[in-house]
């Protein structure tokens, strides 16, 4: 007998989203499987960030439904839903008047963790994110861009959520820091096996990090392919991306998958 496929952690069922009568997202149907990184790839305005925000109910669909662990997320307590999902954005969104330790420990503290457990978790995550423990007392303005992004990832992981939503988290960084953080995230994901939806407009990043790539254009899902399939796809939109990003893609496609 074939093993029963695992139930998807996130599922979009014919989801559309409109603003002032204009479709930002149209008839989206897709599933995100346990432990995978689904890379949402597309140009600005293609619907990537809207898709991400529909998962944790920062937005609500105009039609269709979004399920998290088999339950329509409109039926979930919104506070509990959001605390169970890590969220990392390009601008980081750290509280400027909180030091690093307080930023990372915020959700566990809200959840009622004992102070000693929060402190231990902060130290664990600083090490996991490649940050020196002495940075715990610093404030966001005292950190580099790369350090702030590491703190943002650590904060998203603080309460050990099953799901991570990541909206171009490395997009504003210089190329060397971005490369370093991508490598660190690959290593982190091998250890933690979170279910991740990762928004990017960079095909190289999508191929490096993604288990699968969901290509979006003008609010529609064009195709979903593995990185290797994407390289060889006859789909005209996929082929256009491969052509635009050149010949550095073959090695990128397999780097993070071993």
C-alpha atoms as a PDB file:
ATOM      1  CA  UNK A   1       0.000   0.000   0.000  1.00  0.00           C
ATOM      2  CA  UNK A   2       1.105   3.538  -0.739  1.00  0.00           C
ATOM      3  CA  UNK A   3       1.548   5.690   2.380  1.00  0.00           C
ATOM      4  CA  UNK A   4      -1.214   8.224   2.954  1.00  0.00           C
ATOM      5  CA  UNK A   5       0.029  11.693   1.942  1.00  0.00           C
ATOM      6  CA  UNK A   6       0.416  14.107   4.835  1.00  0.00           C
ATOM      7  CA  UNK A   7      -2.355  16.658   5.140  1.00  0.00           C
ATOM      8  CA  UNK A   8      -1.329  20.136   4.007  1.00  0.00           C
ATOM      9  CA  UNK A   9      -0.489  22.619   6.739  1.00  0.00           C
ATOM     10  CA  UNK A  10      -1.823  25.532   4.660  1.00  0.00           C
ATOM     11  CA  UNK A  11      -4.413  25.284   1.907  1.00  0.00           C
ATOM     12  CA  UNK A  12      -5.944  27.902  -0.373  1.00  0.00           C
ATOM     13  CA  UNK A  13      -9.256  26.877  -1.915  1.00  0.00           C
ATOM     14  CA  UNK A  14     -10.274  29.024  -4.875  1.00  0.00           C
ATOM     15  CA  UNK A  15      -9.273  32.210  -3.034  1.00  0.00           C
ATOM     16  CA  UNK A  16      -9.776  35.663  -4.528  1.00  0.00           C
ATOM     17  CA  UNK A  17      -9.077  39.063  -3.033  1.00  0.00           C
ATOM     18  CA  UNK A  18     -10.350  42.365  -4.395  1.00  0.00           C
ATOM     19  CA  UNK A  19      -9.690  46.005  -3.574  1.00  0.00           C
ATOM     20  CA  UNK A  20     -12.180  48.565  -4.900  1.00  0.00           C
ATOM     21  CA  UNK A  21     -13.438  46.019  -7.403  1.00  0.00           C
ATOM     22  CA  UNK A  22      -9.963  45.178  -8.725  1.00  0.00           C
ATOM     23  CA  UNK A  23      -8.713  41.606  -8.381  1.00  0.00           C
ATOM     24  CA  UNK A  24      -5.379  41.521  -6.533  1.00  0.00           C
ATOM     25  CA  UNK A  25      -5.631  37.737  -6.300  1.00  0.00           C
ATOM     26  CA  UNK A  26      -7.833  35.526  -8.445  1.00  0.00           C
ATOM     27  CA  UNK A  27      -8.972  31.903  -7.896  1.00  0.00           C
ATOM     28  CA  UNK A  28      -5.865  30.776  -6.012  1.00  0.00           C
ATOM     29  CA  UNK A  29      -5.766  27.073  -5.177  1.00  0.00           C
ATOM     30  CA  UNK A  30      -2.596  25.610  -3.656  1.00  0.00           C
ATOM     31  CA  UNK A  31      -1.324  23.558  -0.738  1.00  0.00           C
ATOM     32  CA  UNK A  32       1.739  23.944   1.453  1.00  0.00           C
ATOM     33  CA  UNK A  33       3.034  20.636   2.794  1.00  0.00           C
ATOM     34  CA  UNK A  34       4.513  19.978   6.256  1.00  0.00           C
ATOM     35  CA  UNK A  35       8.167  20.961   6.558  1.00  0.00           C
ATOM     36  CA  UNK A  36       8.538  22.462   3.094  1.00  0.00           C
ATOM     37  CA  UNK A  37       9.613  25.914   1.996  1.00  0.00           C
ATOM     38  CA  UNK A  38       7.176  27.116  -0.640  1.00  0.00           C
ATOM     39  CA  UNK A  39       8.731  30.059  -2.463  1.00  0.00           C
ATOM     40  CA  UNK A  40       6.201  32.523  -3.851  1.00  0.00           C
ATOM     41  CA  UNK A  41       7.965  34.050  -6.841  1.00  0.00           C
ATOM     42  CA  UNK A  42       6.733  36.945  -8.919  1.00  0.00           C
ATOM     43  CA  UNK A  43       7.060  40.568  -9.878  1.00  0.00           C
ATOM     44  CA  UNK A  44       5.801  43.464  -7.758  1.00  0.00           C
ATOM     45  CA  UNK A  45       2.009  43.461  -7.858  1.00  0.00           C
ATOM     46  CA  UNK A  46       1.727  39.761  -8.688  1.00  0.00           C
ATOM     47  CA  UNK A  47      -0.118  38.933  -5.438  1.00  0.00           C
ATOM     48  CA  UNK A  48       2.686  37.370  -3.392  1.00  0.00           C
ATOM     49  CA  UNK A  49       2.411  39.478  -0.250  1.00  0.00           C
ATOM     50  CA  UNK A  50      -1.384  39.414  -0.406  1.00  0.00           C
ATOM     51  CA  UNK A  51      -1.222  35.610  -0.441  1.00  0.00           C
ATOM     52  CA  UNK A  52       1.049  35.646   2.599  1.00  0.00           C
ATOM     53  CA  UNK A  53      -1.185  38.026   4.562  1.00  0.00           C
ATOM     54  CA  UNK A  54      -4.237  35.872   3.931  1.00  0.00           C
ATOM     55  CA  UNK A  55      -2.651  33.048   5.960  1.00  0.00           C
ATOM     56  CA  UNK A  56      -2.487  34.920   9.275  1.00  0.00           C
ATOM     57  CA  UNK A  57      -5.589  37.026   8.539  1.00  0.00           C
ATOM     58  CA  UNK A  58      -3.872  40.349   8.089  1.00  0.00           C
ATOM     59  CA  UNK A  59      -6.233  40.229   5.097  1.00  0.00           C
ATOM     60  CA  UNK A  60      -9.427  38.237   4.561  1.00  0.00           C
ATOM     61  CA  UNK A  61     -10.395  36.730   1.198  1.00  0.00           C
ATOM     62  CA  UNK A  62     -13.181  38.223  -0.870  1.00  0.00           C
ATOM     63  CA  UNK A  63     -14.143  34.674  -1.801  1.00  0.00           C
ATOM     64  CA  UNK A  64     -12.846  31.158  -1.179  1.00  0.00           C
ATOM     65  CA  UNK A  65     -11.199  29.990   2.021  1.00  0.00           C
ATOM     66  CA  UNK A  66      -7.791  29.565   3.599  1.00  0.00           C
ATOM     67  CA  UNK A  67      -7.266  26.546   5.856  1.00  0.00           C
ATOM     68  CA  UNK A  68      -4.531  26.170   8.472  1.00  0.00           C
ATOM     69  CA  UNK A  69      -4.113  22.580   9.664  1.00  0.00           C
ATOM     70  CA  UNK A  70      -7.429  21.693   8.058  1.00  0.00           C
ATOM     71  CA  UNK A  71      -9.440  24.442   9.770  1.00  0.00           C
ATOM     72  CA  UNK A  72     -10.706  27.547   7.925  1.00  0.00           C
ATOM     73  CA  UNK A  73      -8.690  30.345   9.470  1.00  0.00           C
ATOM     74  CA  UNK A  74     -11.777  32.589   9.692  1.00  0.00           C
ATOM     75  CA  UNK A  75     -12.999  30.164  12.372  1.00  0.00           C
ATOM     76  CA  UNK A  76      -9.808  30.447  14.416  1.00  0.00           C
ATOM     77  CA  UNK A  77      -9.261  32.890  17.256  1.00  0.00           C
ATOM     78  CA  UNK A  78      -7.266  35.584  15.490  1.00  0.00           C
ATOM     79  CA  UNK A  79      -4.913  36.220  18.409  1.00  0.00           C
ATOM     80  CA  UNK A  80      -4.122  32.530  18.849  1.00  0.00           C
ATOM     81  CA  UNK A  81      -3.702  32.130  15.086  1.00  0.00           C
ATOM     82  CA  UNK A  82      -1.182  34.939  14.791  1.00  0.00           C
ATOM     83  CA  UNK A  83       0.801  33.862  17.837  1.00  0.00           C
ATOM     84  CA  UNK A  84       1.105  30.371  16.322  1.00  0.00           C
ATOM     85  CA  UNK A  85       2.599  31.724  13.085  1.00  0.00           C
ATOM     86  CA  UNK A  86       6.028  33.361  12.849  1.00  0.00           C
ATOM     87  CA  UNK A  87       6.128  36.415  10.588  1.00  0.00           C
ATOM     88  CA  UNK A  88       9.291  37.992   9.155  1.00  0.00           C
ATOM     89  CA  UNK A  89       9.252  41.035   6.870  1.00  0.00           C
ATOM     90  CA  UNK A  90      11.892  42.997   4.988  1.00  0.00           C
ATOM     91  CA  UNK A  91      11.635  45.998   7.315  1.00  0.00           C
ATOM     92  CA  UNK A  92      12.006  43.634  10.330  1.00  0.00           C
ATOM     93  CA  UNK A  93       9.475  45.558  12.448  1.00  0.00           C
ATOM     94  CA  UNK A  94      11.416  45.370  15.700  1.00  0.00           C
ATOM     95  CA  UNK A  95      10.161  47.580  18.516  1.00  0.00           C
ATOM     96  CA  UNK A  96      12.753  50.392  18.667  1.00  0.00           C
ATOM     97  CA  UNK A  97      12.269  51.019  22.400  1.00  0.00           C
ATOM     98  CA  UNK A  98      12.773  47.312  23.285  1.00  0.00           C
ATOM     99  CA  UNK A  99      16.227  45.811  23.476  1.00  0.00           C
ATOM    100  CA  UNK A 100      17.044  42.638  21.543  1.00  0.00           C
ATOM    101  CA  UNK A 101      16.185  40.280  24.399  1.00  0.00           C
ATOM    102  CA  UNK A 102      12.809  41.923  24.959  1.00  0.00           C
ATOM    103  CA  UNK A 103      12.011  41.896  21.225  1.00  0.00           C
ATOM    104  CA  UNK A 104      12.774  38.186  20.936  1.00  0.00           C
ATOM    105  CA  UNK A 105      11.039  37.225  24.175  1.00  0.00           C
ATOM    106  CA  UNK A 106       7.872  39.231  23.578  1.00  0.00           C
ATOM    107  CA  UNK A 107       5.507  36.457  22.446  1.00  0.00           C
ATOM    108  CA  UNK A 108       6.711  33.862  24.992  1.00  0.00           C
ATOM    109  CA  UNK A 109       6.227  36.473  27.720  1.00  0.00           C
ATOM    110  CA  UNK A 110       2.708  37.269  26.462  1.00  0.00           C
ATOM    111  CA  UNK A 111       2.067  33.520  26.462  1.00  0.00           C
ATOM    112  CA  UNK A 112       2.893  33.444  30.158  1.00  0.00           C
ATOM    113  CA  UNK A 113       6.234  31.646  30.073  1.00  0.00           C
ATOM    114  CA  UNK A 114       8.228  31.900  33.337  1.00  0.00           C
ATOM    115  CA  UNK A 115      10.962  34.530  33.224  1.00  0.00           C
ATOM    116  CA  UNK A 116      13.762  31.949  33.430  1.00  0.00           C
ATOM    117  CA  UNK A 117      12.321  30.018  30.486  1.00  0.00           C
ATOM    118  CA  UNK A 118      12.001  33.208  28.416  1.00  0.00           C
ATOM    119  CA  UNK A 119      15.590  34.138  29.196  1.00  0.00           C
ATOM    120  CA  UNK A 120      16.841  30.662  28.250  1.00  0.00           C
ATOM    121  CA  UNK A 121      14.854  30.761  25.011  1.00  0.00           C
ATOM    122  CA  UNK A 122      16.298  34.165  24.090  1.00  0.00           C
ATOM    123  CA  UNK A 123      19.829  32.894  24.636  1.00  0.00           C
ATOM    124  CA  UNK A 124      19.106  29.734  22.625  1.00  0.00           C
ATOM    125  CA  UNK A 125      17.735  31.746  19.704  1.00  0.00           C
ATOM    126  CA  UNK A 126      20.570  34.259  19.724  1.00  0.00           C
ATOM    127  CA  UNK A 127      23.005  31.379  19.320  1.00  0.00           C
ATOM    128  CA  UNK A 128      20.806  29.699  16.729  1.00  0.00           C
ATOM    129  CA  UNK A 129      20.645  32.932  14.719  1.00  0.00           C
ATOM    130  CA  UNK A 130      24.403  33.431  14.849  1.00  0.00           C
ATOM    131  CA  UNK A 131      24.281  36.405  17.218  1.00  0.00           C
ATOM    132  CA  UNK A 132      26.587  37.052  20.177  1.00  0.00           C
ATOM    133  CA  UNK A 133      24.875  36.854  23.549  1.00  0.00           C
ATOM    134  CA  UNK A 134      26.108  40.339  24.477  1.00  0.00           C
ATOM    135  CA  UNK A 135      23.842  41.789  21.787  1.00  0.00           C
ATOM    136  CA  UNK A 136      20.814  40.944  23.960  1.00  0.00           C
ATOM    137  CA  UNK A 137      21.030  44.302  25.727  1.00  0.00           C
ATOM    138  CA  UNK A 138      21.381  46.398  22.572  1.00  0.00           C
ATOM    139  CA  UNK A 139      18.598  48.258  20.799  1.00  0.00           C
ATOM    140  CA  UNK A 140      17.670  47.874  17.121  1.00  0.00           C
ATOM    141  CA  UNK A 141      19.334  51.146  16.090  1.00  0.00           C
ATOM    142  CA  UNK A 142      22.617  49.805  17.481  1.00  0.00           C
ATOM    143  CA  UNK A 143      22.596  46.795  15.135  1.00  0.00           C
ATOM    144  CA  UNK A 144      23.594  46.313  11.509  1.00  0.00           C
ATOM    145  CA  UNK A 145      20.970  45.454   8.915  1.00  0.00           C
ATOM    146  CA  UNK A 146      22.020  41.812   8.929  1.00  0.00           C
ATOM    147  CA  UNK A 147      21.884  41.646  12.716  1.00  0.00           C
ATOM    148  CA  UNK A 148      18.389  43.156  12.737  1.00  0.00           C
ATOM    149  CA  UNK A 149      17.198  40.537  10.255  1.00  0.00           C
ATOM    150  CA  UNK A 150      18.661  37.770  12.415  1.00  0.00           C
ATOM    151  CA  UNK A 151      16.815  39.185  15.412  1.00  0.00           C
ATOM    152  CA  UNK A 152      13.637  39.287  13.307  1.00  0.00           C
ATOM    153  CA  UNK A 153      13.992  35.604  12.454  1.00  0.00           C
ATOM    154  CA  UNK A 154      14.774  34.760  16.091  1.00  0.00           C
ATOM    155  CA  UNK A 155      11.687  36.657  17.266  1.00  0.00           C
ATOM    156  CA  UNK A 156       9.507  34.814  14.735  1.00  0.00           C
ATOM    157  CA  UNK A 157      10.786  31.492  16.092  1.00  0.00           C
ATOM    158  CA  UNK A 158      10.532  32.433  19.772  1.00  0.00           C
ATOM    159  CA  UNK A 159       7.339  30.526  20.641  1.00  0.00           C
ATOM    160  CA  UNK A 160       8.321  27.616  18.353  1.00  0.00           C
ATOM    161  CA  UNK A 161       5.571  28.116  15.731  1.00  0.00           C
ATOM    162  CA  UNK A 162       4.873  25.411  13.177  1.00  0.00           C
ATOM    163  CA  UNK A 163       4.548  27.961  10.358  1.00  0.00           C
ATOM    164  CA  UNK A 164       6.842  30.773   9.227  1.00  0.00           C
ATOM    165  CA  UNK A 165       5.711  33.485   6.819  1.00  0.00           C
ATOM    166  CA  UNK A 166       8.641  35.399   5.309  1.00  0.00           C
ATOM    167  CA  UNK A 167       8.104  38.430   3.078  1.00  0.00           C
ATOM    168  CA  UNK A 168      11.342  39.207   1.200  1.00  0.00           C
ATOM    169  CA  UNK A 169      13.226  39.141   4.516  1.00  0.00           C
ATOM    170  CA  UNK A 170      16.687  39.479   2.954  1.00  0.00           C
ATOM    171  CA  UNK A 171      15.770  41.760   0.039  1.00  0.00           C
ATOM    172  CA  UNK A 172      17.123  45.019   1.475  1.00  0.00           C
ATOM    173  CA  UNK A 173      20.524  43.629   2.458  1.00  0.00           C
ATOM    174  CA  UNK A 174      23.819  43.904   0.623  1.00  0.00           C
ATOM    175  CA  UNK A 175      24.717  40.846  -1.517  1.00  0.00           C
ATOM    176  CA  UNK A 176      27.289  39.364   0.880  1.00  0.00           C
ATOM    177  CA  UNK A 177      25.036  39.647   3.941  1.00  0.00           C
ATOM    178  CA  UNK A 178      22.109  38.307   1.947  1.00  0.00           C
ATOM    179  CA  UNK A 179      24.165  35.289   0.836  1.00  0.00           C
ATOM    180  CA  UNK A 180      25.265  34.653   4.413  1.00  0.00           C
ATOM    181  CA  UNK A 181      21.724  34.814   5.776  1.00  0.00           C
ATOM    182  CA  UNK A 182      20.403  32.529   3.060  1.00  0.00           C
ATOM    183  CA  UNK A 183      23.045  29.951   3.972  1.00  0.00           C
ATOM    184  CA  UNK A 184      22.217  30.263   7.665  1.00  0.00           C
ATOM    185  CA  UNK A 185      18.505  29.907   6.975  1.00  0.00           C
ATOM    186  CA  UNK A 186      19.098  26.716   4.968  1.00  0.00           C
ATOM    187  CA  UNK A 187      21.049  25.302   7.911  1.00  0.00           C
ATOM    188  CA  UNK A 188      18.373  26.397  10.373  1.00  0.00           C
ATOM    189  CA  UNK A 189      15.586  24.838   8.320  1.00  0.00           C
ATOM    190  CA  UNK A 190      17.405  21.500   8.171  1.00  0.00           C
ATOM    191  CA  UNK A 191      17.313  21.460  11.969  1.00  0.00           C
ATOM    192  CA  UNK A 192      13.834  22.848  12.603  1.00  0.00           C
ATOM    193  CA  UNK A 193      11.761  21.645   9.606  1.00  0.00           C
ATOM    194  CA  UNK A 194       9.250  24.479   9.810  1.00  0.00           C
ATOM    195  CA  UNK A 195       6.543  24.905   7.204  1.00  0.00           C
ATOM    196  CA  UNK A 196       7.607  28.090   5.422  1.00  0.00           C
ATOM    197  CA  UNK A 197       6.017  30.387   2.849  1.00  0.00           C
ATOM    198  CA  UNK A 198       8.790  32.606   1.492  1.00  0.00           C
ATOM    199  CA  UNK A 199       8.036  35.590  -0.758  1.00  0.00           C
ATOM    200  CA  UNK A 200      10.706  36.718  -3.204  1.00  0.00           C
ATOM    201  CA  UNK A 201      11.091  38.300  -6.640  1.00  0.00           C
ATOM    202  CA  UNK A 202      14.555  36.759  -7.056  1.00  0.00           C
ATOM    203  CA  UNK A 203      14.609  33.424  -8.899  1.00  0.00           C
ATOM    204  CA  UNK A 204      18.046  32.551  -7.545  1.00  0.00           C
ATOM    205  CA  UNK A 205      16.775  32.952  -3.987  1.00  0.00           C
ATOM    206  CA  UNK A 206      13.641  30.936  -4.763  1.00  0.00           C
ATOM    207  CA  UNK A 207      15.702  28.100  -6.231  1.00  0.00           C
ATOM    208  CA  UNK A 208      18.212  28.161  -3.418  1.00  0.00           C
ATOM    209  CA  UNK A 209      15.665  28.068  -0.594  1.00  0.00           C
ATOM    210  CA  UNK A 210      12.466  26.624  -1.990  1.00  0.00           C
ATOM    211  CA  UNK A 211      11.324  23.005  -1.934  1.00  0.00           C
ATOM    212  CA  UNK A 212       8.858  24.165  -4.590  1.00  0.00           C
ATOM    213  CA  UNK A 213       8.395  27.426  -6.449  1.00  0.00           C
ATOM    214  CA  UNK A 214       4.925  28.892  -6.958  1.00  0.00           C
ATOM    215  CA  UNK A 215       5.175  31.399  -9.809  1.00  0.00           C
ATOM    216  CA  UNK A 216       2.612  34.204  -9.720  1.00  0.00           C
ATOM    217  CA  UNK A 217       1.713  36.835 -12.291  1.00  0.00           C
ATOM    218  CA  UNK A 218      -1.028  39.477 -12.199  1.00  0.00           C
ATOM    219  CA  UNK A 219      -2.774  37.885  -9.220  1.00  0.00           C
ATOM    220  CA  UNK A 220      -2.847  34.389 -10.656  1.00  0.00           C
ATOM    221  CA  UNK A 221      -0.870  31.242  -9.954  1.00  0.00           C
ATOM    222  CA  UNK A 222       1.013  30.347 -13.124  1.00  0.00           C
ATOM    223  CA  UNK A 223       2.647  27.078 -12.068  1.00  0.00           C
ATOM    224  CA  UNK A 224       4.156  25.230  -9.099  1.00  0.00           C
ATOM    225  CA  UNK A 225       7.397  23.357  -9.765  1.00  0.00           C
ATOM    226  CA  UNK A 226      10.446  22.014  -7.974  1.00  0.00           C
ATOM    227  CA  UNK A 227      13.611  24.051  -8.620  1.00  0.00           C
ATOM    228  CA  UNK A 228      14.923  21.448 -11.077  1.00  0.00           C
ATOM    229  CA  UNK A 229      11.578  21.344 -12.890  1.00  0.00           C
ATOM    230  CA  UNK A 230      11.527  25.124 -13.045  1.00  0.00           C
ATOM    231  CA  UNK A 231      14.879  25.209 -14.808  1.00  0.00           C
ATOM    232  CA  UNK A 232      13.577  22.919 -17.545  1.00  0.00           C
ATOM    233  CA  UNK A 233       9.989  24.107 -17.750  1.00  0.00           C
ATOM    234  CA  UNK A 234       8.427  24.892 -21.110  1.00  0.00           C
ATOM    235  CA  UNK A 235       5.992  27.291 -19.454  1.00  0.00           C
ATOM    236  CA  UNK A 236       6.651  30.675 -21.095  1.00  0.00           C
ATOM    237  CA  UNK A 237       6.610  32.628 -17.825  1.00  0.00           C
ATOM    238  CA  UNK A 238       9.005  30.202 -16.111  1.00  0.00           C
ATOM    239  CA  UNK A 239      11.270  30.177 -19.167  1.00  0.00           C
ATOM    240  CA  UNK A 240      11.315  33.993 -19.160  1.00  0.00           C
ATOM    241  CA  UNK A 241      12.524  34.007 -15.553  1.00  0.00           C
ATOM    242  CA  UNK A 242      15.248  31.480 -16.271  1.00  0.00           C
ATOM    243  CA  UNK A 243      16.419  33.537 -19.259  1.00  0.00           C
ATOM    244  CA  UNK A 244      16.387  36.773 -17.248  1.00  0.00           C
ATOM    245  CA  UNK A 245      18.481  35.338 -14.425  1.00  0.00           C
ATOM    246  CA  UNK A 246      21.072  33.753 -16.686  1.00  0.00           C
ATOM    247  CA  UNK A 247      23.277  30.725 -16.285  1.00  0.00           C
ATOM    248  CA  UNK A 248      24.090  30.879 -12.552  1.00  0.00           C
ATOM    249  CA  UNK A 249      21.028  28.819 -11.724  1.00  0.00           C
ATOM    250  CA  UNK A 250      22.124  25.193 -12.173  1.00  0.00           C
ATOM    251  CA  UNK A 251      24.264  25.098  -9.017  1.00  0.00           C
ATOM    252  CA  UNK A 252      21.809  27.238  -7.063  1.00  0.00           C
ATOM    253  CA  UNK A 253      18.971  24.771  -7.657  1.00  0.00           C
ATOM    254  CA  UNK A 254      20.562  21.972  -5.662  1.00  0.00           C
ATOM    255  CA  UNK A 255      22.532  23.866  -3.000  1.00  0.00           C
ATOM    256  CA  UNK A 256      19.923  23.906  -0.254  1.00  0.00           C
ATOM    257  CA  UNK A 257      18.221  20.575  -0.961  1.00  0.00           C
ATOM    258  CA  UNK A 258      20.761  18.002   0.245  1.00  0.00           C
END
